[in-house]
Amino acid sequence: QVQLVESGGGLVQAGGSLRLSCAASGRTFSRYGLGWFRQAPGKEREFVAAISWSGDNTVYADSVKGRFTISRDITKNTVYLRMNSLKPEDTAVYYCSSADGSWGQGTQVTVSS
């Protein structure tokens, strides 16, 4: 199983940027696609973005398309989520997940208006 640890969350003003990191351990990291999800208070967890095991294919939720970019560095066993033009509605706990069903503990992102 893959172990995932997120970092990079914080408090930012609307219009600002953050880059989240998801560090993975486990030999099979490179075999799986990975995704970012988020959960706002009182809401269900929702999909944000995903990237294939090769890094060649990405997909985004409509709400973040054009603002967020997912990428991965196999040599560092890390997946990134670059978030630009942040909005207060992006406030949530952000989780990364691998296709084998592993989840990280989450990192809080708060966007102030």
PDB file of N, CA and C in Angstrom:
ATOM      1  N   GLN A   1       0.843  -1.183   0.000  1.00  0.00           N
ATOM      2  CA  GLN A   1       0.000   0.000   0.000  1.00  0.00           C
ATOM      3  C   GLN A   1       0.884   1.241   0.000  1.00  0.00           C
ATOM      4  N   VAL A   2       0.342   2.314  -0.578  1.00  0.00           N
ATOM      5  CA  VAL A   2       1.074   3.563  -0.640  1.00  0.00           C
ATOM      6  C   VAL A   2       0.726   4.418   0.583  1.00  0.00           C
ATOM      7  N   GLN A   3       1.720   5.019   1.198  1.00  0.00           N
ATOM      8  CA  GLN A   3       1.501   5.960   2.303  1.00  0.00           C
ATOM      9  C   GLN A   3       1.649   7.379   1.757  1.00  0.00           C
ATOM     10  N   LEU A   4       0.707   8.236   2.105  1.00  0.00           N
ATOM     11  CA  LEU A   4       0.651   9.588   1.553  1.00  0.00           C
ATOM     12  C   LEU A   4       0.630  10.629   2.671  1.00  0.00           C
ATOM     13  N   VAL A   5       1.431  11.698   2.502  1.00  0.00           N
ATOM     14  CA  VAL A   5       1.468  12.782   3.481  1.00  0.00           C
ATOM     15  C   VAL A   5       1.373  14.111   2.740  1.00  0.00           C
ATOM     16  N   GLU A   6       0.303  14.871   3.009  1.00  0.00           N
ATOM     17  CA  GLU A   6       0.109  16.167   2.373  1.00  0.00           C
ATOM     18  C   GLU A   6       0.766  17.280   3.180  1.00  0.00           C
ATOM     19  N   SER A   7       1.143  18.339   2.483  1.00  0.00           N
ATOM     20  CA  SER A   7       1.669  19.541   3.140  1.00  0.00           C
ATOM     21  C   SER A   7       1.457  20.733   2.219  1.00  0.00           C
ATOM     22  N   GLY A   8       1.692  21.921   2.764  1.00  0.00           N
ATOM     23  CA  GLY A   8       1.615  23.128   1.945  1.00  0.00           C
ATOM     24  C   GLY A   8       0.367  23.961   2.124  1.00  0.00           C
ATOM     25  N   GLY A   9      -0.574  23.473   2.931  1.00  0.00           N
ATOM     26  CA  GLY A   9      -1.781  24.252   3.157  1.00  0.00           C
ATOM     27  C   GLY A   9      -1.495  25.479   4.006  1.00  0.00           C
ATOM     28  N   GLY A  10      -2.486  26.341   4.131  1.00  0.00           N
ATOM     29  CA  GLY A  10      -2.320  27.542   4.929  1.00  0.00           C
ATOM     30  C   GLY A  10      -3.421  28.528   4.687  1.00  0.00           C
ATOM     31  N   LEU A  11      -3.210  29.740   5.186  1.00  0.00           N
ATOM     32  CA  LEU A  11      -4.170  30.829   5.034  1.00  0.00           C
ATOM     33  C   LEU A  11      -3.656  31.780   3.955  1.00  0.00           C
ATOM     34  N   VAL A  12      -4.529  32.106   3.016  1.00  0.00           N
ATOM     35  CA  VAL A  12      -4.145  32.986   1.917  1.00  0.00           C
ATOM     36  C   VAL A  12      -5.327  33.885   1.579  1.00  0.00           C
ATOM     37  N   GLN A  13      -5.045  35.049   1.089  1.00  0.00           N
ATOM     38  CA  GLN A  13      -6.112  35.953   0.665  1.00  0.00           C
ATOM     39  C   GLN A  13      -6.658  35.545  -0.704  1.00  0.00           C
ATOM     40  N   ALA A  14      -7.867  35.909  -0.958  1.00  0.00           N
ATOM     41  CA  ALA A  14      -8.481  35.642  -2.256  1.00  0.00           C
ATOM     42  C   ALA A  14      -7.606  36.230  -3.359  1.00  0.00           C
ATOM     43  N   GLY A  15      -7.433  35.436  -4.416  1.00  0.00           N
ATOM     44  CA  GLY A  15      -6.567  35.831  -5.508  1.00  0.00           C
ATOM     45  C   GLY A  15      -5.149  35.330  -5.370  1.00  0.00           C
ATOM     46  N   GLY A  16      -4.814  34.819  -4.193  1.00  0.00           N
ATOM     47  CA  GLY A  16      -3.474  34.330  -3.948  1.00  0.00           C
ATOM     48  C   GLY A  16      -3.258  32.917  -4.465  1.00  0.00           C
ATOM     49  N   SER A  17      -2.079  32.384  -4.147  1.00  0.00           N
ATOM     50  CA  SER A  17      -1.678  31.069  -4.637  1.00  0.00           C
ATOM     51  C   SER A  17      -1.085  30.225  -3.515  1.00  0.00           C
ATOM     52  N   LEU A  18      -1.205  28.937  -3.677  1.00  0.00           N
ATOM     53  CA  LEU A  18      -0.566  27.960  -2.797  1.00  0.00           C
ATOM     54  C   LEU A  18      -0.152  26.770  -3.641  1.00  0.00           C
ATOM     55  N   ARG A  19       0.858  26.046  -3.157  1.00  0.00           N
ATOM     56  CA  ARG A  19       1.205  24.783  -3.782  1.00  0.00           C
ATOM     57  C   ARG A  19       1.183  23.688  -2.726  1.00  0.00           C
ATOM     58  N   LEU A  20       0.327  22.733  -2.954  1.00  0.00           N
ATOM     59  CA  LEU A  20       0.242  21.580  -2.060  1.00  0.00           C
ATOM     60  C   LEU A  20       1.167  20.479  -2.564  1.00  0.00           C
ATOM     61  N   SER A  21       1.713  19.744  -1.626  1.00  0.00           N
ATOM     62  CA  SER A  21       2.553  18.599  -1.957  1.00  0.00           C
ATOM     63  C   SER A  21       1.975  17.350  -1.312  1.00  0.00           C
ATOM     64  N   CYS A  22       2.154  16.243  -1.987  1.00  0.00           N
ATOM     65  CA  CYS A  22       1.741  14.944  -1.456  1.00  0.00           C
ATOM     66  C   CYS A  22       2.926  14.005  -1.610  1.00  0.00           C
ATOM     67  N   ALA A  23       3.605  13.746  -0.506  1.00  0.00           N
ATOM     68  CA  ALA A  23       4.772  12.874  -0.521  1.00  0.00           C
ATOM     69  C   ALA A  23       4.328  11.434  -0.308  1.00  0.00           C
ATOM     70  N   ALA A  24       4.793  10.566  -1.165  1.00  0.00           N
ATOM     71  CA  ALA A  24       4.373   9.167  -1.112  1.00  0.00           C
ATOM     72  C   ALA A  24       5.535   8.267  -0.772  1.00  0.00           C
ATOM     73  N   SER A  25       5.236   7.217  -0.079  1.00  0.00           N
ATOM     74  CA  SER A  25       6.226   6.185   0.192  1.00  0.00           C
ATOM     75  C   SER A  25       5.626   4.845  -0.186  1.00  0.00           C
ATOM     76  N   GLY A  26       6.491   3.895  -0.440  1.00  0.00           N
ATOM     77  CA  GLY A  26       5.997   2.613  -0.902  1.00  0.00           C
ATOM     78  C   GLY A  26       6.492   2.365  -2.316  1.00  0.00           C
ATOM     79  N   ARG A  27       6.893   1.172  -2.554  1.00  0.00           N
ATOM     80  CA  ARG A  27       7.531   0.849  -3.823  1.00  0.00           C
ATOM     81  C   ARG A  27       6.602   1.022  -5.012  1.00  0.00           C
ATOM     82  N   THR A  28       5.308   0.894  -4.785  1.00  0.00           N
ATOM     83  CA  THR A  28       4.390   0.874  -5.913  1.00  0.00           C
ATOM     84  C   THR A  28       3.855   2.247  -6.269  1.00  0.00           C
ATOM     85  N   PHE A  29       4.421   3.306  -5.671  1.00  0.00           N
ATOM     86  CA  PHE A  29       3.910   4.653  -5.929  1.00  0.00           C
ATOM     87  C   PHE A  29       3.806   4.953  -7.402  1.00  0.00           C
ATOM     88  N   SER A  30       4.838   4.603  -8.149  1.00  0.00           N
ATOM     89  CA  SER A  30       4.894   4.998  -9.549  1.00  0.00           C
ATOM     90  C   SER A  30       3.876   4.267 -10.410  1.00  0.00           C
ATOM     91  N   ARG A  31       3.217   3.248  -9.871  1.00  0.00           N
ATOM     92  CA  ARG A  31       2.295   2.460 -10.667  1.00  0.00           C
ATOM     93  C   ARG A  31       0.880   3.032 -10.679  1.00  0.00           C
ATOM     94  N   TYR A  32       0.619   3.967  -9.821  1.00  0.00           N
ATOM     95  CA  TYR A  32      -0.758   4.388  -9.642  1.00  0.00           C
ATOM     96  C   TYR A  32      -0.987   5.824 -10.055  1.00  0.00           C
ATOM     97  N   GLY A  33      -2.181   6.067 -10.561  1.00  0.00           N
ATOM     98  CA  GLY A  33      -2.626   7.427 -10.708  1.00  0.00           C
ATOM     99  C   GLY A  33      -2.918   8.003  -9.332  1.00  0.00           C
ATOM    100  N   LEU A  34      -2.861   9.321  -9.234  1.00  0.00           N
ATOM    101  CA  LEU A  34      -3.133   9.988  -7.971  1.00  0.00           C
ATOM    102  C   LEU A  34      -4.095  11.136  -8.182  1.00  0.00           C
ATOM    103  N   GLY A  35      -4.840  11.414  -7.141  1.00  0.00           N
ATOM    104  CA  GLY A  35      -5.807  12.491  -7.233  1.00  0.00           C
ATOM    105  C   GLY A  35      -5.809  13.356  -5.994  1.00  0.00           C
ATOM    106  N   TRP A  36      -6.332  14.556  -6.159  1.00  0.00           N
ATOM    107  CA  TRP A  36      -6.584  15.463  -5.054  1.00  0.00           C
ATOM    108  C   TRP A  36      -8.098  15.612  -4.876  1.00  0.00           C
ATOM    109  N   PHE A  37      -8.508  15.593  -3.632  1.00  0.00           N
ATOM    110  CA  PHE A  37      -9.897  15.781  -3.271  1.00  0.00           C
ATOM    111  C   PHE A  37      -9.943  16.847  -2.178  1.00  0.00           C
ATOM    112  N   ARG A  38     -11.127  17.377  -1.939  1.00  0.00           N
ATOM    113  CA  ARG A  38     -11.249  18.352  -0.856  1.00  0.00           C
ATOM    114  C   ARG A  38     -12.604  18.206  -0.176  1.00  0.00           C
ATOM    115  N   GLN A  39     -12.629  18.632   1.071  1.00  0.00           N
ATOM    116  CA  GLN A  39     -13.868  18.574   1.845  1.00  0.00           C
ATOM    117  C   GLN A  39     -14.008  19.849   2.642  1.00  0.00           C
ATOM    118  N   ALA A  40     -15.049  20.604   2.339  1.00  0.00           N
ATOM    119  CA  ALA A  40     -15.357  21.816   3.075  1.00  0.00           C
ATOM    120  C   ALA A  40     -16.261  21.476   4.254  1.00  0.00           C
ATOM    121  N   PRO A  41     -16.288  22.310   5.281  1.00  0.00           N
ATOM    122  CA  PRO A  41     -17.145  22.034   6.445  1.00  0.00           C
ATOM    123  C   PRO A  41     -18.601  21.845   6.039  1.00  0.00           C
ATOM    124  N   GLY A  42     -19.184  20.771   6.511  1.00  0.00           N
ATOM    125  CA  GLY A  42     -20.588  20.500   6.236  1.00  0.00           C
ATOM    126  C   GLY A  42     -20.878  19.984   4.848  1.00  0.00           C
ATOM    127  N   LYS A  43     -19.839  19.734   4.064  1.00  0.00           N
ATOM    128  CA  LYS A  43     -20.038  19.254   2.698  1.00  0.00           C
ATOM    129  C   LYS A  43     -19.357  17.913   2.492  1.00  0.00           C
ATOM    130  N   GLU A  44     -19.765  17.220   1.442  1.00  0.00           N
ATOM    131  CA  GLU A  44     -19.143  15.950   1.110  1.00  0.00           C
ATOM    132  C   GLU A  44     -17.785  16.185   0.443  1.00  0.00           C
ATOM    133  N   ARG A  45     -16.953  15.164   0.555  1.00  0.00           N
ATOM    134  CA  ARG A  45     -15.665  15.233  -0.111  1.00  0.00           C
ATOM    135  C   ARG A  45     -15.886  15.238  -1.618  1.00  0.00           C
ATOM    136  N   GLU A  46     -15.137  16.092  -2.321  1.00  0.00           N
ATOM    137  CA  GLU A  46     -15.317  16.193  -3.766  1.00  0.00           C
ATOM    138  C   GLU A  46     -13.988  16.084  -4.498  1.00  0.00           C
ATOM    139  N   PHE A  47     -14.076  15.632  -5.725  1.00  0.00           N
ATOM    140  CA  PHE A  47     -12.917  15.497  -6.582  1.00  0.00           C
ATOM    141  C   PHE A  47     -12.415  16.862  -7.018  1.00  0.00           C
ATOM    142  N   VAL A  48     -11.071  16.988  -7.074  1.00  0.00           N
ATOM    143  CA  VAL A  48     -10.460  18.234  -7.533  1.00  0.00           C
ATOM    144  C   VAL A  48      -9.664  18.013  -8.816  1.00  0.00           C
ATOM    145  N   ALA A  49      -8.740  17.066  -8.790  1.00  0.00           N
ATOM    146  CA  ALA A  49      -7.879  16.832  -9.946  1.00  0.00           C
ATOM    147  C   ALA A  49      -7.243  15.463  -9.823  1.00  0.00           C
ATOM    148  N   ALA A  50      -6.809  14.912 -10.960  1.00  0.00           N
ATOM    149  CA  ALA A  50      -6.134  13.618 -10.952  1.00  0.00           C
ATOM    150  C   ALA A  50      -5.091  13.593 -12.053  1.00  0.00           C
ATOM    151  N   ILE A  51      -4.120  12.724 -11.859  1.00  0.00           N
ATOM    152  CA  ILE A  51      -3.036  12.589 -12.829  1.00  0.00           C
ATOM    153  C   ILE A  51      -2.739  11.111 -12.997  1.00  0.00           C
ATOM    154  N   SER A  52      -2.431  10.709 -14.213  1.00  0.00           N
ATOM    155  CA  SER A  52      -2.164   9.300 -14.497  1.00  0.00           C
ATOM    156  C   SER A  52      -0.808   8.889 -13.940  1.00  0.00           C
ATOM    157  N   TRP A  53      -0.566   7.581 -13.934  1.00  0.00           N
ATOM    158  CA  TRP A  53       0.692   7.087 -13.396  1.00  0.00           C
ATOM    159  C   TRP A  53       1.876   7.612 -14.187  1.00  0.00           C
ATOM    160  N   SER A  54       1.687   7.835 -15.474  1.00  0.00           N
ATOM    161  CA  SER A  54       2.772   8.334 -16.311  1.00  0.00           C
ATOM    162  C   SER A  54       2.930   9.846 -16.219  1.00  0.00           C
ATOM    163  N   GLY A  55       1.888  10.508 -15.733  1.00  0.00           N
ATOM    164  CA  GLY A  55       1.905  11.962 -15.691  1.00  0.00           C
ATOM    165  C   GLY A  55       1.450  12.610 -16.983  1.00  0.00           C
ATOM    166  N   ASP A  56       1.111  11.778 -17.966  1.00  0.00           N
ATOM    167  CA  ASP A  56       0.750  12.325 -19.278  1.00  0.00           C
ATOM    168  C   ASP A  56      -0.694  12.816 -19.332  1.00  0.00           C
ATOM    169  N   ASN A  57      -1.521  12.284 -18.488  1.00  0.00           N
ATOM    170  CA  ASN A  57      -2.944  12.625 -18.537  1.00  0.00           C
ATOM    171  C   ASN A  57      -3.394  13.244 -17.227  1.00  0.00           C
ATOM    172  N   THR A  58      -4.145  14.316 -17.333  1.00  0.00           N
ATOM    173  CA  THR A  58      -4.691  14.991 -16.164  1.00  0.00           C
ATOM    174  C   THR A  58      -6.167  15.289 -16.394  1.00  0.00           C
ATOM    175  N   VAL A  59      -6.879  15.411 -15.314  1.00  0.00           N
ATOM    176  CA  VAL A  59      -8.292  15.766 -15.384  1.00  0.00           C
ATOM    177  C   VAL A  59      -8.612  16.656 -14.195  1.00  0.00           C
ATOM    178  N   TYR A  60      -9.522  17.600 -14.389  1.00  0.00           N
ATOM    179  CA  TYR A  60      -9.849  18.578 -13.356  1.00  0.00           C
ATOM    180  C   TYR A  60     -11.362  18.728 -13.194  1.00  0.00           C
ATOM    181  N   ALA A  61     -11.750  19.063 -11.987  1.00  0.00           N
ATOM    182  CA  ALA A  61     -13.134  19.464 -11.772  1.00  0.00           C
ATOM    183  C   ALA A  61     -13.362  20.801 -12.462  1.00  0.00           C
ATOM    184  N   ASP A  62     -14.574  21.005 -12.933  1.00  0.00           N
ATOM    185  CA  ASP A  62     -14.882  22.253 -13.634  1.00  0.00           C
ATOM    186  C   ASP A  62     -14.611  23.476 -12.754  1.00  0.00           C
ATOM    187  N   SER A  63     -14.820  23.324 -11.469  1.00  0.00           N
ATOM    188  CA  SER A  63     -14.690  24.460 -10.556  1.00  0.00           C
ATOM    189  C   SER A  63     -13.260  24.954 -10.406  1.00  0.00           C
ATOM    190  N   VAL A  64     -12.275  24.134 -10.783  1.00  0.00           N
ATOM    191  CA  VAL A  64     -10.875  24.525 -10.623  1.00  0.00           C
ATOM    192  C   VAL A  64     -10.128  24.592 -11.943  1.00  0.00           C
ATOM    193  N   LYS A  65     -10.777  24.194 -13.010  1.00  0.00           N
ATOM    194  CA  LYS A  65     -10.127  24.152 -14.313  1.00  0.00           C
ATOM    195  C   LYS A  65      -9.621  25.549 -14.688  1.00  0.00           C
ATOM    196  N   GLY A  66      -8.373  25.605 -15.133  1.00  0.00           N
ATOM    197  CA  GLY A  66      -7.767  26.876 -15.501  1.00  0.00           C
ATOM    198  C   GLY A  66      -7.093  27.593 -14.346  1.00  0.00           C
ATOM    199  N   ARG A  67      -7.352  27.157 -13.118  1.00  0.00           N
ATOM    200  CA  ARG A  67      -6.743  27.794 -11.943  1.00  0.00           C
ATOM    201  C   ARG A  67      -5.767  26.868 -11.225  1.00  0.00           C
ATOM    202  N   PHE A  68      -6.065  25.577 -11.224  1.00  0.00           N
ATOM    203  CA  PHE A  68      -5.247  24.592 -10.526  1.00  0.00           C
ATOM    204  C   PHE A  68      -4.481  23.751 -11.538  1.00  0.00           C
ATOM    205  N   THR A  69      -3.292  23.300 -11.134  1.00  0.00           N
ATOM    206  CA  THR A  69      -2.490  22.420 -11.973  1.00  0.00           C
ATOM    207  C   THR A  69      -1.931  21.287 -11.127  1.00  0.00           C
ATOM    208  N   ILE A  70      -2.178  20.060 -11.574  1.00  0.00           N
ATOM    209  CA  ILE A  70      -1.645  18.888 -10.888  1.00  0.00           C
ATOM    210  C   ILE A  70      -0.428  18.394 -11.650  1.00  0.00           C
ATOM    211  N   SER A  71       0.585  17.966 -10.906  1.00  0.00           N
ATOM    212  CA  SER A  71       1.795  17.445 -11.540  1.00  0.00           C
ATOM    213  C   SER A  71       2.420  16.416 -10.599  1.00  0.00           C
ATOM    214  N   ARG A  72       3.339  15.643 -11.114  1.00  0.00           N
ATOM    215  CA  ARG A  72       4.017  14.664 -10.262  1.00  0.00           C
ATOM    216  C   ARG A  72       5.479  14.588 -10.650  1.00  0.00           C
ATOM    217  N   ASP A  73       6.297  14.277  -9.662  1.00  0.00           N
ATOM    218  CA  ASP A  73       7.724  14.072  -9.843  1.00  0.00           C
ATOM    219  C   ASP A  73       8.033  12.675  -9.314  1.00  0.00           C
ATOM    220  N   ILE A  74       8.178  11.740 -10.244  1.00  0.00           N
ATOM    221  CA  ILE A  74       8.429  10.358  -9.848  1.00  0.00           C
ATOM    222  C   ILE A  74       9.737  10.241  -9.073  1.00  0.00           C
ATOM    223  N   THR A  75      10.738  11.024  -9.445  1.00  0.00           N
ATOM    224  CA  THR A  75      12.045  10.930  -8.780  1.00  0.00           C
ATOM    225  C   THR A  75      11.962  11.346  -7.317  1.00  0.00           C
ATOM    226  N   LYS A  76      10.978  12.191  -6.996  1.00  0.00           N
ATOM    227  CA  LYS A  76      10.800  12.640  -5.609  1.00  0.00           C
ATOM    228  C   LYS A  76       9.603  11.977  -4.949  1.00  0.00           C
ATOM    229  N   ASN A  77       8.940  11.077  -5.662  1.00  0.00           N
ATOM    230  CA  ASN A  77       7.746  10.410  -5.119  1.00  0.00           C
ATOM    231  C   ASN A  77       6.728  11.436  -4.596  1.00  0.00           C
ATOM    232  N   THR A  78       6.520  12.473  -5.354  1.00  0.00           N
ATOM    233  CA  THR A  78       5.668  13.569  -4.887  1.00  0.00           C
ATOM    234  C   THR A  78       4.713  14.027  -5.986  1.00  0.00           C
ATOM    235  N   VAL A  79       3.493  14.315  -5.570  1.00  0.00           N
ATOM    236  CA  VAL A  79       2.486  14.912  -6.437  1.00  0.00           C
ATOM    237  C   VAL A  79       2.195  16.311  -5.909  1.00  0.00           C
ATOM    238  N   TYR A  80       2.017  17.246  -6.820  1.00  0.00           N
ATOM    239  CA  TYR A  80       1.794  18.640  -6.447  1.00  0.00           C
ATOM    240  C   TYR A  80       0.428  19.108  -6.941  1.00  0.00           C
ATOM    241  N   LEU A  81      -0.103  20.093  -6.263  1.00  0.00           N
ATOM    242  CA  LEU A  81      -1.298  20.785  -6.740  1.00  0.00           C
ATOM    243  C   LEU A  81      -1.020  22.276  -6.610  1.00  0.00           C
ATOM    244  N   ARG A  82      -0.792  22.894  -7.738  1.00  0.00           N
ATOM    245  CA  ARG A  82      -0.573  24.325  -7.766  1.00  0.00           C
ATOM    246  C   ARG A  82      -1.936  24.994  -7.883  1.00  0.00           C
ATOM    247  N   MET A  83      -2.242  25.897  -6.956  1.00  0.00           N
ATOM    248  CA  MET A  83      -3.545  26.545  -6.904  1.00  0.00           C
ATOM    249  C   MET A  83      -3.358  28.048  -7.051  1.00  0.00           C
ATOM    250  N   ASN A  84      -3.868  28.584  -8.135  1.00  0.00           N
ATOM    251  CA  ASN A  84      -3.792  30.027  -8.401  1.00  0.00           C
ATOM    252  C   ASN A  84      -5.188  30.636  -8.347  1.00  0.00           C
ATOM    253  N   SER A  85      -5.234  31.935  -8.240  1.00  0.00           N
ATOM    254  CA  SER A  85      -6.508  32.674  -8.234  1.00  0.00           C
ATOM    255  C   SER A  85      -7.486  32.065  -7.242  1.00  0.00           C
ATOM    256  N   LEU A  86      -7.010  31.827  -6.055  1.00  0.00           N
ATOM    257  CA  LEU A  86      -7.837  31.161  -5.045  1.00  0.00           C
ATOM    258  C   LEU A  86      -9.041  32.005  -4.657  1.00  0.00           C
ATOM    259  N   LYS A  87     -10.133  31.300  -4.366  1.00  0.00           N
ATOM    260  CA  LYS A  87     -11.395  31.930  -3.988  1.00  0.00           C
ATOM    261  C   LYS A  87     -11.804  31.436  -2.605  1.00  0.00           C
ATOM    262  N   PRO A  88     -12.605  32.190  -1.875  1.00  0.00           N
ATOM    263  CA  PRO A  88     -13.057  31.723  -0.564  1.00  0.00           C
ATOM    264  C   PRO A  88     -13.736  30.356  -0.630  1.00  0.00           C
ATOM    265  N   GLU A  89     -14.399  30.054  -1.714  1.00  0.00           N
ATOM    266  CA  GLU A  89     -15.064  28.753  -1.850  1.00  0.00           C
ATOM    267  C   GLU A  89     -14.092  27.599  -2.051  1.00  0.00           C
ATOM    268  N   ASP A  90     -12.816  27.892  -2.212  1.00  0.00           N
ATOM    269  CA  ASP A  90     -11.801  26.842  -2.272  1.00  0.00           C
ATOM    270  C   ASP A  90     -11.376  26.385  -0.873  1.00  0.00           C
ATOM    271  N   THR A  91     -11.859  27.064   0.137  1.00  0.00           N
ATOM    272  CA  THR A  91     -11.531  26.702   1.515  1.00  0.00           C
ATOM    273  C   THR A  91     -12.013  25.291   1.820  1.00  0.00           C
ATOM    274  N   ALA A  92     -11.086  24.450   2.275  1.00  0.00           N
ATOM    275  CA  ALA A  92     -11.406  23.051   2.545  1.00  0.00           C
ATOM    276  C   ALA A  92     -10.156  22.349   3.073  1.00  0.00           C
ATOM    277  N   VAL A  93     -10.360  21.139   3.538  1.00  0.00           N
ATOM    278  CA  VAL A  93      -9.237  20.245   3.796  1.00  0.00           C
ATOM    279  C   VAL A  93      -8.971  19.491   2.497  1.00  0.00           C
ATOM    280  N   TYR A  94      -7.744  19.526   2.055  1.00  0.00           N
ATOM    281  CA  TYR A  94      -7.354  18.899   0.802  1.00  0.00           C
ATOM    282  C   TYR A  94      -6.633  17.584   1.091  1.00  0.00           C
ATOM    283  N   TYR A  95      -7.059  16.546   0.389  1.00  0.00           N
ATOM    284  CA  TYR A  95      -6.513  15.207   0.568  1.00  0.00           C
ATOM    285  C   TYR A  95      -5.956  14.705  -0.759  1.00  0.00           C
ATOM    286  N   CYS A  96      -4.881  13.946  -0.690  1.00  0.00           N
ATOM    287  CA  CYS A  96      -4.469  13.219  -1.876  1.00  0.00           C
ATOM    288  C   CYS A  96      -4.787  11.747  -1.681  1.00  0.00           C
ATOM    289  N   SER A  97      -4.965  11.106  -2.803  1.00  0.00           N
ATOM    290  CA  SER A  97      -5.352   9.703  -2.783  1.00  0.00           C
ATOM    291  C   SER A  97      -4.738   9.008  -3.982  1.00  0.00           C
ATOM    292  N   SER A  98      -4.331   7.780  -3.785  1.00  0.00           N
ATOM    293  CA  SER A  98      -3.799   6.996  -4.889  1.00  0.00           C
ATOM    294  C   SER A  98      -4.837   5.981  -5.343  1.00  0.00           C
ATOM    295  N   ALA A  99      -4.622   5.461  -6.519  1.00  0.00           N
ATOM    296  CA  ALA A  99      -5.605   4.567  -7.114  1.00  0.00           C
ATOM    297  C   ALA A  99      -5.710   3.230  -6.384  1.00  0.00           C
ATOM    298  N   ASP A 100      -4.784   2.968  -5.461  1.00  0.00           N
ATOM    299  CA  ASP A 100      -4.903   1.722  -4.689  1.00  0.00           C
ATOM    300  C   ASP A 100      -5.794   1.912  -3.476  1.00  0.00           C
ATOM    301  N   GLY A 101      -6.374   3.134  -3.351  1.00  0.00           N
ATOM    302  CA  GLY A 101      -7.293   3.374  -2.247  1.00  0.00           C
ATOM    303  C   GLY A 101      -6.683   4.020  -1.033  1.00  0.00           C
ATOM    304  N   SER A 102      -5.408   4.380  -1.103  1.00  0.00           N
ATOM    305  CA  SER A 102      -4.750   5.031   0.030  1.00  0.00           C
ATOM    306  C   SER A 102      -5.133   6.504   0.085  1.00  0.00           C
ATOM    307  N   TRP A 103      -5.195   7.047   1.312  1.00  0.00           N
ATOM    308  CA  TRP A 103      -5.497   8.455   1.533  1.00  0.00           C
ATOM    309  C   TRP A 103      -4.478   9.049   2.494  1.00  0.00           C
ATOM    310  N   GLY A 104      -4.192  10.344   2.283  1.00  0.00           N
ATOM    311  CA  GLY A 104      -3.392  11.068   3.247  1.00  0.00           C
ATOM    312  C   GLY A 104      -4.262  11.613   4.360  1.00  0.00           C
ATOM    313  N   GLN A 105      -3.629  12.347   5.284  1.00  0.00           N
ATOM    314  CA  GLN A 105      -4.354  12.865   6.433  1.00  0.00           C
ATOM    315  C   GLN A 105      -5.013  14.205   6.153  1.00  0.00           C
ATOM    316  N   GLY A 106      -4.631  14.855   5.069  1.00  0.00           N
ATOM    317  CA  GLY A 106      -5.226  16.117   4.678  1.00  0.00           C
ATOM    318  C   GLY A 106      -4.424  17.322   5.134  1.00  0.00           C
ATOM    319  N   THR A 107      -4.596  18.419   4.404  1.00  0.00           N
ATOM    320  CA  THR A 107      -3.979  19.692   4.767  1.00  0.00           C
ATOM    321  C   THR A 107      -5.012  20.797   4.568  1.00  0.00           C
ATOM    322  N   GLN A 108      -5.094  21.699   5.544  1.00  0.00           N
ATOM    323  CA  GLN A 108      -6.122  22.730   5.525  1.00  0.00           C
ATOM    324  C   GLN A 108      -5.724  23.890   4.628  1.00  0.00           C
ATOM    325  N   VAL A 109      -6.649  24.292   3.769  1.00  0.00           N
ATOM    326  CA  VAL A 109      -6.490  25.497   2.954  1.00  0.00           C
ATOM    327  C   VAL A 109      -7.616  26.451   3.303  1.00  0.00           C
ATOM    328  N   THR A 110      -7.265  27.655   3.697  1.00  0.00           N
ATOM    329  CA  THR A 110      -8.259  28.668   4.042  1.00  0.00           C
ATOM    330  C   THR A 110      -8.005  29.911   3.196  1.00  0.00           C
ATOM    331  N   VAL A 111      -9.033  30.332   2.485  1.00  0.00           N
ATOM    332  CA  VAL A 111      -8.928  31.500   1.621  1.00  0.00           C
ATOM    333  C   VAL A 111      -9.836  32.589   2.182  1.00  0.00           C
ATOM    334  N   SER A 112      -9.248  33.689   2.558  1.00  0.00           N
ATOM    335  CA  SER A 112     -10.023  34.797   3.135  1.00  0.00           C
ATOM    336  C   SER A 112     -10.438  35.771   2.042  1.00  0.00           C
ATOM    337  N   SER A 113     -11.597  36.369   2.259  1.00  0.00           N
ATOM    338  CA  SER A 113     -12.117  37.316   1.244  1.00  0.00           C
ATOM    339  C   SER A 113     -11.635  38.725   1.521  1.00  0.00           C
TER     340      SER A 113
END
